[in-house]
Protein backbone atom coordinates (compact mmCIF):
# COMPACT_ATOMS: atom_id res chain seq x y z
CA UNK A 1 0.00 0.00 0.00
CA UNK A 2 2.78 2.41 0.83
CA UNK A 3 4.67 1.77 -2.40
CA UNK A 4 1.45 2.14 -4.41
CA UNK A 5 1.02 5.68 -3.10
CA UNK A 6 4.21 6.69 -4.91
CA UNK A 7 4.32 4.32 -7.88
CA UNK A 8 1.18 4.28 -10.01
CA UNK A 9 2.02 1.00 -11.74
CA UNK A 10 2.31 -0.77 -8.40
CA UNK A 11 -1.03 0.69 -7.29
CA UNK A 12 -2.63 -0.49 -10.52
CA UNK A 13 -1.20 -3.99 -10.16
CA UNK A 14 -2.21 -4.25 -6.50
CA UNK A 15 -5.76 -3.11 -7.15
CA UNK A 16 -6.12 -5.53 -10.07
CA UNK A 17 -4.82 -8.41 -7.94
CA UNK A 18 -7.21 -7.46 -5.16
CA UNK A 19 -10.16 -7.46 -7.59
CA UNK A 20 -9.13 -10.87 -8.87
CA UNK A 21 -8.81 -12.26 -5.34
CA UNK A 22 -12.29 -11.18 -4.26
CA UNK A 23 -13.89 -12.19 -7.56
CA UNK A 24 -12.47 -15.69 -7.14
CA UNK A 25 -13.55 -15.84 -3.50
CA UNK A 26 -17.10 -14.90 -4.47
CA UNK A 27 -17.29 -18.02 -6.64
CA UNK A 28 -17.21 -20.00 -3.38
CA UNK A 29 -20.69 -18.60 -2.79
CA UNK A 30 -22.03 -21.02 -5.38
CA UNK A 31 -19.95 -24.08 -4.51
CA UNK A 32 -19.72 -24.01 -0.71
CA UNK A 33 -22.31 -26.10 1.13
CA UNK A 34 -24.20 -24.35 3.91
CA UNK A 35 -24.35 -20.89 2.30
CA UNK A 36 -28.13 -20.97 1.87
CA UNK A 37 -30.26 -21.13 5.00
CA UNK A 38 -32.63 -24.12 4.59
CA UNK A 39 -34.97 -23.04 7.42
CA UNK A 40 -35.61 -19.72 5.65
CA UNK A 41 -36.49 -21.36 2.35
CA UNK A 42 -33.04 -21.83 0.86
CA UNK A 43 -31.31 -19.50 -1.55
CA UNK A 44 -31.31 -16.39 -1.55
CA UNK A 45 -31.59 -16.57 2.26
CA UNK A 46 -27.99 -16.48 3.46
CA UNK A 47 -26.80 -18.41 6.50
CA UNK A 48 -25.11 -16.45 9.24
CA UNK A 49 -21.82 -18.30 9.77
CA UNK A 50 -20.84 -19.16 6.20
CA UNK A 51 -22.95 -17.04 3.87
CA UNK A 52 -22.39 -13.73 5.63
CA UNK A 53 -18.67 -14.44 5.89
CA UNK A 54 -18.51 -14.83 2.11
CA UNK A 55 -20.86 -11.90 1.49
CA UNK A 56 -18.34 -9.47 2.98
CA UNK A 57 -16.18 -10.14 -0.08
CA UNK A 58 -18.77 -8.38 -2.24
CA UNK A 59 -18.10 -5.16 -0.33
CA UNK A 60 -14.36 -5.71 -0.54
CA UNK A 61 -14.63 -6.34 -4.30
CA UNK A 62 -16.48 -3.04 -4.70
CA UNK A 63 -13.77 -1.23 -2.71
CA UNK A 64 -11.07 -2.91 -4.81
CA UNK A 65 -12.84 -1.91 -8.02
CA UNK A 66 -12.96 1.67 -6.79
CA UNK A 67 -9.24 1.56 -6.05
CA UNK A 68 -8.61 0.06 -9.47
CA UNK A 69 -10.56 2.84 -11.16
CA UNK A 70 -8.62 5.49 -9.22
CA UNK A 71 -5.27 3.82 -9.91
CA UNK A 72 -6.09 3.56 -13.61
CA UNK A 73 -7.00 7.24 -13.78
CA UNK A 74 -3.75 8.20 -12.02
CA UNK A 75 -1.75 5.95 -14.32
CA UNK A 76 -3.35 7.43 -17.44
CA UNK A 77 -2.77 10.98 -16.14
CA UNK A 78 0.88 10.13 -15.54
CA UNK A 79 1.32 8.87 -19.10
CA UNK A 80 -0.25 12.00 -20.64
PDB file of N, CA and C in Angstrom:
ATOM      1  N   UNK A   1       0.819  -1.196   0.000  1.00  0.00           N
ATOM      2  CA  UNK A   1       0.000   0.000   0.000  1.00  0.00           C
ATOM      3  C   UNK A   1       0.857   1.252   0.000  1.00  0.00           C
ATOM      4  N   UNK A   2       1.916   1.236   0.758  1.00  0.00           N
ATOM      5  CA  UNK A   2       2.778   2.415   0.829  1.00  0.00           C
ATOM      6  C   UNK A   2       3.474   2.661  -0.499  1.00  0.00           C
ATOM      7  N   UNK A   3       3.978   1.624  -1.114  1.00  0.00           N
ATOM      8  CA  UNK A   3       4.667   1.775  -2.396  1.00  0.00           C
ATOM      9  C   UNK A   3       3.687   2.237  -3.465  1.00  0.00           C
ATOM     10  N   UNK A   4       2.454   1.745  -3.435  1.00  0.00           N
ATOM     11  CA  UNK A   4       1.452   2.137  -4.408  1.00  0.00           C
ATOM     12  C   UNK A   4       1.099   3.606  -4.353  1.00  0.00           C
ATOM     13  N   UNK A   5       1.298   4.244  -3.216  1.00  0.00           N
ATOM     14  CA  UNK A   5       1.024   5.678  -3.098  1.00  0.00           C
ATOM     15  C   UNK A   5       2.009   6.495  -3.924  1.00  0.00           C
ATOM     16  N   UNK A   6       3.179   5.945  -4.192  1.00  0.00           N
ATOM     17  CA  UNK A   6       4.214   6.686  -4.913  1.00  0.00           C
ATOM     18  C   UNK A   6       4.444   6.165  -6.328  1.00  0.00           C
ATOM     19  N   UNK A   7       4.109   4.926  -6.571  1.00  0.00           N
ATOM     20  CA  UNK A   7       4.322   4.324  -7.884  1.00  0.00           C
ATOM     21  C   UNK A   7       2.972   3.865  -8.434  1.00  0.00           C
ATOM     22  N   UNK A   8       2.518   4.523  -9.478  1.00  0.00           N
ATOM     23  CA  UNK A   8       1.184   4.284 -10.009  1.00  0.00           C
ATOM     24  C   UNK A   8       1.031   2.888 -10.618  1.00  0.00           C
ATOM     25  N   UNK A   9       2.097   2.359 -11.172  1.00  0.00           N
ATOM     26  CA  UNK A   9       2.019   1.004 -11.738  1.00  0.00           C
ATOM     27  C   UNK A   9       1.803  -0.035 -10.649  1.00  0.00           C
ATOM     28  N   UNK A  10       2.468   0.155  -9.528  1.00  0.00           N
ATOM     29  CA  UNK A  10       2.313  -0.775  -8.405  1.00  0.00           C
ATOM     30  C   UNK A  10       0.895  -0.692  -7.853  1.00  0.00           C
ATOM     31  N   UNK A  11       0.349   0.516  -7.762  1.00  0.00           N
ATOM     32  CA  UNK A  11      -1.031   0.686  -7.291  1.00  0.00           C
ATOM     33  C   UNK A  11      -2.007   0.007  -8.233  1.00  0.00           C
ATOM     34  N   UNK A  12      -1.769   0.139  -9.523  1.00  0.00           N
ATOM     35  CA  UNK A  12      -2.630  -0.489 -10.524  1.00  0.00           C
ATOM     36  C   UNK A  12      -2.565  -2.010 -10.422  1.00  0.00           C
ATOM     37  N   UNK A  13      -1.380  -2.542 -10.287  1.00  0.00           N
ATOM     38  CA  UNK A  13      -1.204  -3.986 -10.155  1.00  0.00           C
ATOM     39  C   UNK A  13      -1.844  -4.508  -8.871  1.00  0.00           C
ATOM     40  N   UNK A  14      -1.634  -3.819  -7.773  1.00  0.00           N
ATOM     41  CA  UNK A  14      -2.208  -4.252  -6.499  1.00  0.00           C
ATOM     42  C   UNK A  14      -3.724  -4.233  -6.505  1.00  0.00           C
ATOM     43  N   UNK A  15      -4.308  -3.198  -7.082  1.00  0.00           N
ATOM     44  CA  UNK A  15      -5.764  -3.109  -7.148  1.00  0.00           C
ATOM     45  C   UNK A  15      -6.335  -4.195  -8.054  1.00  0.00           C
ATOM     46  N   UNK A  16      -5.660  -4.471  -9.162  1.00  0.00           N
ATOM     47  CA  UNK A  16      -6.121  -5.528 -10.070  1.00  0.00           C
ATOM     48  C   UNK A  16      -6.036  -6.896  -9.389  1.00  0.00           C
ATOM     49  N   UNK A  17      -4.960  -7.136  -8.657  1.00  0.00           N
ATOM     50  CA  UNK A  17      -4.822  -8.409  -7.944  1.00  0.00           C
ATOM     51  C   UNK A  17      -5.873  -8.545  -6.848  1.00  0.00           C
ATOM     52  N   UNK A  18      -6.189  -7.443  -6.191  1.00  0.00           N
ATOM     53  CA  UNK A  18      -7.215  -7.463  -5.161  1.00  0.00           C
ATOM     54  C   UNK A  18      -8.584  -7.777  -5.763  1.00  0.00           C
ATOM     55  N   UNK A  19      -8.895  -7.168  -6.898  1.00  0.00           N
ATOM     56  CA  UNK A  19     -10.164  -7.461  -7.588  1.00  0.00           C
ATOM     57  C   UNK A  19     -10.237  -8.934  -7.966  1.00  0.00           C
ATOM     58  N   UNK A  20      -9.152  -9.464  -8.478  1.00  0.00           N
ATOM     59  CA  UNK A  20      -9.132 -10.875  -8.870  1.00  0.00           C
ATOM     60  C   UNK A  20      -9.331 -11.783  -7.659  1.00  0.00           C
ATOM     61  N   UNK A  21      -8.698 -11.455  -6.553  1.00  0.00           N
ATOM     62  CA  UNK A  21      -8.813 -12.262  -5.343  1.00  0.00           C
ATOM     63  C   UNK A  21     -10.258 -12.333  -4.868  1.00  0.00           C
ATOM     64  N   UNK A  22     -10.923 -11.188  -4.772  1.00  0.00           N
ATOM     65  CA  UNK A  22     -12.291 -11.183  -4.265  1.00  0.00           C
ATOM     66  C   UNK A  22     -13.281 -11.749  -5.270  1.00  0.00           C
ATOM     67  N   UNK A  23     -13.017 -11.594  -6.551  1.00  0.00           N
ATOM     68  CA  UNK A  23     -13.889 -12.194  -7.560  1.00  0.00           C
ATOM     69  C   UNK A  23     -13.818 -13.720  -7.476  1.00  0.00           C
ATOM     70  N   UNK A  24     -12.626 -14.241  -7.281  1.00  0.00           N
ATOM     71  CA  UNK A  24     -12.470 -15.691  -7.137  1.00  0.00           C
ATOM     72  C   UNK A  24     -13.120 -16.180  -5.849  1.00  0.00           C
ATOM     73  N   UNK A  25     -12.954 -15.441  -4.769  1.00  0.00           N
ATOM     74  CA  UNK A  25     -13.546 -15.837  -3.496  1.00  0.00           C
ATOM     75  C   UNK A  25     -15.071 -15.844  -3.572  1.00  0.00           C
ATOM     76  N   UNK A  26     -15.641 -14.929  -4.342  1.00  0.00           N
ATOM     77  CA  UNK A  26     -17.098 -14.903  -4.469  1.00  0.00           C
ATOM     78  C   UNK A  26     -17.639 -16.125  -5.215  1.00  0.00           C
ATOM     79  N   UNK A  27     -16.812 -16.797  -5.984  1.00  0.00           N
ATOM     80  CA  UNK A  27     -17.288 -18.020  -6.637  1.00  0.00           C
ATOM     81  C   UNK A  27     -17.554 -19.119  -5.617  1.00  0.00           C
ATOM     82  N   UNK A  28     -16.951 -19.025  -4.437  1.00  0.00           N
ATOM     83  CA  UNK A  28     -17.211 -19.997  -3.376  1.00  0.00           C
ATOM     84  C   UNK A  28     -18.666 -19.920  -2.923  1.00  0.00           C
ATOM     85  N   UNK A  29     -19.302 -18.789  -3.165  1.00  0.00           N
ATOM     86  CA  UNK A  29     -20.691 -18.599  -2.789  1.00  0.00           C
ATOM     87  C   UNK A  29     -21.575 -19.651  -3.432  1.00  0.00           C
ATOM     88  N   UNK A  30     -21.226 -20.054  -4.634  1.00  0.00           N
ATOM     89  CA  UNK A  30     -22.025 -21.020  -5.382  1.00  0.00           C
ATOM     90  C   UNK A  30     -21.668 -22.456  -5.011  1.00  0.00           C
ATOM     91  N   UNK A  31     -20.411 -22.706  -4.696  1.00  0.00           N
ATOM     92  CA  UNK A  31     -19.954 -24.082  -4.515  1.00  0.00           C
ATOM     93  C   UNK A  31     -19.868 -24.544  -3.065  1.00  0.00           C
ATOM     94  N   UNK A  32     -19.883 -23.637  -2.106  1.00  0.00           N
ATOM     95  CA  UNK A  32     -19.721 -24.014  -0.705  1.00  0.00           C
ATOM     96  C   UNK A  32     -21.048 -24.473  -0.113  1.00  0.00           C
ATOM     97  N   UNK A  33     -21.069 -25.661   0.490  1.00  0.00           N
ATOM     98  CA  UNK A  33     -22.311 -26.105   1.129  1.00  0.00           C
ATOM     99  C   UNK A  33     -22.572 -25.295   2.399  1.00  0.00           C
ATOM    100  N   UNK A  34     -23.828 -25.056   2.693  1.00  0.00           N
ATOM    101  CA  UNK A  34     -24.196 -24.348   3.915  1.00  0.00           C
ATOM    102  C   UNK A  34     -24.333 -22.848   3.738  1.00  0.00           C
ATOM    103  N   UNK A  35     -24.208 -22.339   2.519  1.00  0.00           N
ATOM    104  CA  UNK A  35     -24.346 -20.895   2.298  1.00  0.00           C
ATOM    105  C   UNK A  35     -25.809 -20.485   2.399  1.00  0.00           C
ATOM    106  N   UNK A  36     -26.699 -21.264   1.814  1.00  0.00           N
ATOM    107  CA  UNK A  36     -28.134 -20.965   1.869  1.00  0.00           C
ATOM    108  C   UNK A  36     -28.720 -21.498   3.169  1.00  0.00           C
ATOM    109  N   UNK A  37     -29.613 -20.739   3.741  1.00  0.00           N
ATOM    110  CA  UNK A  37     -30.255 -21.132   4.997  1.00  0.00           C
ATOM    111  C   UNK A  37     -31.515 -21.949   4.685  1.00  0.00           C
ATOM    112  N   UNK A  38     -31.485 -23.275   4.954  1.00  0.00           N
ATOM    113  CA  UNK A  38     -32.629 -24.120   4.589  1.00  0.00           C
ATOM    114  C   UNK A  38     -33.893 -23.792   5.379  1.00  0.00           C
ATOM    115  N   UNK A  39     -33.767 -23.328   6.617  1.00  0.00           N
ATOM    116  CA  UNK A  39     -34.966 -23.037   7.419  1.00  0.00           C
ATOM    117  C   UNK A  39     -35.677 -21.777   6.954  1.00  0.00           C
ATOM    118  N   UNK A  40     -34.994 -20.939   6.166  1.00  0.00           N
ATOM    119  CA  UNK A  40     -35.608 -19.716   5.648  1.00  0.00           C
ATOM    120  C   UNK A  40     -36.052 -19.891   4.202  1.00  0.00           C
ATOM    121  N   UNK A  41     -36.024 -21.105   3.705  1.00  0.00           N
ATOM    122  CA  UNK A  41     -36.490 -21.364   2.354  1.00  0.00           C
ATOM    123  C   UNK A  41     -35.380 -21.557   1.344  1.00  0.00           C
ATOM    124  N   UNK A  42     -34.154 -21.627   1.780  1.00  0.00           N
ATOM    125  CA  UNK A  42     -33.040 -21.830   0.856  1.00  0.00           C
ATOM    126  C   UNK A  42     -32.556 -20.538   0.232  1.00  0.00           C
ATOM    127  N   UNK A  43     -31.874 -20.665  -0.888  1.00  0.00           N
ATOM    128  CA  UNK A  43     -31.308 -19.495  -1.550  1.00  0.00           C
ATOM    129  C   UNK A  43     -32.430 -18.586  -2.023  1.00  0.00           C
ATOM    130  N   UNK A  44     -32.396 -17.299  -1.870  1.00  0.00           N
ATOM    131  CA  UNK A  44     -31.311 -16.389  -1.546  1.00  0.00           C
ATOM    132  C   UNK A  44     -31.143 -16.067  -0.068  1.00  0.00           C
ATOM    133  N   UNK A  45     -31.805 -16.793   0.835  1.00  0.00           N
ATOM    134  CA  UNK A  45     -31.586 -16.572   2.258  1.00  0.00           C
ATOM    135  C   UNK A  45     -30.187 -17.055   2.625  1.00  0.00           C
ATOM    136  N   UNK A  46     -29.397 -16.183   3.203  1.00  0.00           N
ATOM    137  CA  UNK A  46     -27.986 -16.480   3.463  1.00  0.00           C
ATOM    138  C   UNK A  46     -27.811 -16.883   4.922  1.00  0.00           C
ATOM    139  N   UNK A  47     -27.072 -17.952   5.143  1.00  0.00           N
ATOM    140  CA  UNK A  47     -26.804 -18.410   6.499  1.00  0.00           C
ATOM    141  C   UNK A  47     -25.837 -17.459   7.187  1.00  0.00           C
ATOM    142  N   UNK A  48     -25.946 -17.381   8.485  1.00  0.00           N
ATOM    143  CA  UNK A  48     -25.109 -16.447   9.240  1.00  0.00           C
ATOM    144  C   UNK A  48     -23.634 -16.831   9.247  1.00  0.00           C
ATOM    145  N   UNK A  49     -23.258 -18.047   9.620  1.00  0.00           N
ATOM    146  CA  UNK A  49     -21.823 -18.296   9.766  1.00  0.00           C
ATOM    147  C   UNK A  49     -21.053 -18.343   8.444  1.00  0.00           C
ATOM    148  N   UNK A  50     -21.595 -18.973   7.434  1.00  0.00           N
ATOM    149  CA  UNK A  50     -20.842 -19.159   6.195  1.00  0.00           C
ATOM    150  C   UNK A  50     -21.214 -18.117   5.156  1.00  0.00           C
ATOM    151  N   UNK A  51     -22.496 -17.942   4.920  1.00  0.00           N
ATOM    152  CA  UNK A  51     -22.949 -17.039   3.870  1.00  0.00           C
ATOM    153  C   UNK A  51     -22.564 -15.592   4.114  1.00  0.00           C
ATOM    154  N   UNK A  52     -22.737 -15.121   5.330  1.00  0.00           N
ATOM    155  CA  UNK A  52     -22.393 -13.733   5.629  1.00  0.00           C
ATOM    156  C   UNK A  52     -20.888 -13.519   5.615  1.00  0.00           C
ATOM    157  N   UNK A  53     -20.132 -14.542   5.975  1.00  0.00           N
ATOM    158  CA  UNK A  53     -18.675 -14.435   5.892  1.00  0.00           C
ATOM    159  C   UNK A  53     -18.236 -14.249   4.448  1.00  0.00           C
ATOM    160  N   UNK A  54     -18.859 -14.973   3.518  1.00  0.00           N
ATOM    161  CA  UNK A  54     -18.515 -14.828   2.109  1.00  0.00           C
ATOM    162  C   UNK A  54     -19.093 -13.546   1.511  1.00  0.00           C
ATOM    163  N   UNK A  55     -20.220 -13.092   2.020  1.00  0.00           N
ATOM    164  CA  UNK A  55     -20.862 -11.895   1.486  1.00  0.00           C
ATOM    165  C   UNK A  55     -20.021 -10.645   1.706  1.00  0.00           C
ATOM    166  N   UNK A  56     -19.200 -10.620   2.731  1.00  0.00           N
ATOM    167  CA  UNK A  56     -18.337  -9.472   2.977  1.00  0.00           C
ATOM    168  C   UNK A  56     -17.379  -9.239   1.812  1.00  0.00           C
ATOM    169  N   UNK A  57     -17.077 -10.285   1.063  1.00  0.00           N
ATOM    170  CA  UNK A  57     -16.180 -10.141  -0.084  1.00  0.00           C
ATOM    171  C   UNK A  57     -16.802  -9.322  -1.206  1.00  0.00           C
ATOM    172  N   UNK A  58     -18.113  -9.238  -1.247  1.00  0.00           N
ATOM    173  CA  UNK A  58     -18.768  -8.384  -2.236  1.00  0.00           C
ATOM    174  C   UNK A  58     -18.443  -6.915  -1.965  1.00  0.00           C
ATOM    175  N   UNK A  59     -18.453  -6.535  -0.712  1.00  0.00           N
ATOM    176  CA  UNK A  59     -18.098  -5.163  -0.333  1.00  0.00           C
ATOM    177  C   UNK A  59     -16.616  -4.909  -0.612  1.00  0.00           C
ATOM    178  N   UNK A  60     -15.789  -5.870  -0.294  1.00  0.00           N
ATOM    179  CA  UNK A  60     -14.361  -5.712  -0.540  1.00  0.00           C
ATOM    180  C   UNK A  60     -14.043  -5.676  -2.035  1.00  0.00           C
ATOM    181  N   UNK A  61     -14.798  -6.407  -2.845  1.00  0.00           N
ATOM    182  CA  UNK A  61     -14.631  -6.338  -4.296  1.00  0.00           C
ATOM    183  C   UNK A  61     -15.002  -4.948  -4.808  1.00  0.00           C
ATOM    184  N   UNK A  62     -16.079  -4.382  -4.287  1.00  0.00           N
ATOM    185  CA  UNK A  62     -16.483  -3.036  -4.697  1.00  0.00           C
ATOM    186  C   UNK A  62     -15.415  -2.012  -4.313  1.00  0.00           C
ATOM    187  N   UNK A  63     -14.840  -2.143  -3.129  1.00  0.00           N
ATOM    188  CA  UNK A  63     -13.769  -1.231  -2.715  1.00  0.00           C
ATOM    189  C   UNK A  63     -12.541  -1.416  -3.599  1.00  0.00           C
ATOM    190  N   UNK A  64     -12.218  -2.640  -3.934  1.00  0.00           N
ATOM    191  CA  UNK A  64     -11.074  -2.911  -4.805  1.00  0.00           C
ATOM    192  C   UNK A  64     -11.300  -2.357  -6.206  1.00  0.00           C
ATOM    193  N   UNK A  65     -12.525  -2.462  -6.702  1.00  0.00           N
ATOM    194  CA  UNK A  65     -12.843  -1.913  -8.020  1.00  0.00           C
ATOM    195  C   UNK A  65     -12.724  -0.398  -8.015  1.00  0.00           C
ATOM    196  N   UNK A  66     -13.115   0.214  -6.919  1.00  0.00           N
ATOM    197  CA  UNK A  66     -12.965   1.665  -6.791  1.00  0.00           C
ATOM    198  C   UNK A  66     -11.484   2.060  -6.781  1.00  0.00           C
ATOM    199  N   UNK A  67     -10.685   1.306  -6.060  1.00  0.00           N
ATOM    200  CA  UNK A  67      -9.242   1.562  -6.047  1.00  0.00           C
ATOM    201  C   UNK A  67      -8.627   1.343  -7.425  1.00  0.00           C
ATOM    202  N   UNK A  68      -9.101   0.332  -8.130  1.00  0.00           N
ATOM    203  CA  UNK A  68      -8.605   0.062  -9.472  1.00  0.00           C
ATOM    204  C   UNK A  68      -8.938   1.215 -10.414  1.00  0.00           C
ATOM    205  N   UNK A  69     -10.160   1.714 -10.317  1.00  0.00           N
ATOM    206  CA  UNK A  69     -10.557   2.840 -11.162  1.00  0.00           C
ATOM    207  C   UNK A  69      -9.704   4.079 -10.869  1.00  0.00           C
ATOM    208  N   UNK A  70      -9.455   4.349  -9.605  1.00  0.00           N
ATOM    209  CA  UNK A  70      -8.622   5.488  -9.219  1.00  0.00           C
ATOM    210  C   UNK A  70      -7.186   5.295  -9.682  1.00  0.00           C
ATOM    211  N   UNK A  71      -6.650   4.099  -9.500  1.00  0.00           N
ATOM    212  CA  UNK A  71      -5.271   3.823  -9.906  1.00  0.00           C
ATOM    213  C   UNK A  71      -5.122   3.923 -11.423  1.00  0.00           C
ATOM    214  N   UNK A  72      -6.131   3.464 -12.153  1.00  0.00           N
ATOM    215  CA  UNK A  72      -6.085   3.555 -13.610  1.00  0.00           C
ATOM    216  C   UNK A  72      -6.125   5.011 -14.077  1.00  0.00           C
ATOM    217  N   UNK A  73      -6.931   5.817 -13.444  1.00  0.00           N
ATOM    218  CA  UNK A  73      -6.996   7.241 -13.777  1.00  0.00           C
ATOM    219  C   UNK A  73      -5.674   7.932 -13.490  1.00  0.00           C
ATOM    220  N   UNK A  74      -5.061   7.608 -12.359  1.00  0.00           N
ATOM    221  CA  UNK A  74      -3.750   8.204 -12.018  1.00  0.00           C
ATOM    222  C   UNK A  74      -2.674   7.744 -12.983  1.00  0.00           C
ATOM    223  N   UNK A  75      -2.735   6.484 -13.395  1.00  0.00           N
ATOM    224  CA  UNK A  75      -1.750   5.952 -14.321  1.00  0.00           C
ATOM    225  C   UNK A  75      -1.889   6.623 -15.682  1.00  0.00           C
ATOM    226  N   UNK A  76      -3.122   6.785 -16.152  1.00  0.00           N
ATOM    227  CA  UNK A  76      -3.346   7.434 -17.438  1.00  0.00           C
ATOM    228  C   UNK A  76      -2.947   8.909 -17.400  1.00  0.00           C
ATOM    229  N   UNK A  77      -3.180   9.574 -16.272  1.00  0.00           N
ATOM    230  CA  UNK A  77      -2.770  10.984 -16.142  1.00  0.00           C
ATOM    231  C   UNK A  77      -1.253  11.104 -16.153  1.00  0.00           C
ATOM    232  N   UNK A  78      -0.587  10.129 -15.575  1.00  0.00           N
ATOM    233  CA  UNK A  78       0.875  10.132 -15.535  1.00  0.00           C
ATOM    234  C   UNK A  78       1.456   9.959 -16.939  1.00  0.00           C
ATOM    235  N   UNK A  79       0.817   9.144 -17.753  1.00  0.00           N
ATOM    236  CA  UNK A  79       1.317   8.870 -19.096  1.00  0.00           C
ATOM    237  C   UNK A  79       1.046  10.015 -20.063  1.00  0.00           C
ATOM    238  N   UNK A  80       0.088  10.880 -19.740  1.00  0.00           N
ATOM    239  CA  UNK A  80      -0.247  11.997 -20.644  1.00  0.00           C
ATOM    240  C   UNK A  80       0.727  13.140 -20.529  1.00  0.00           C
TER     241      UNK A  80
END
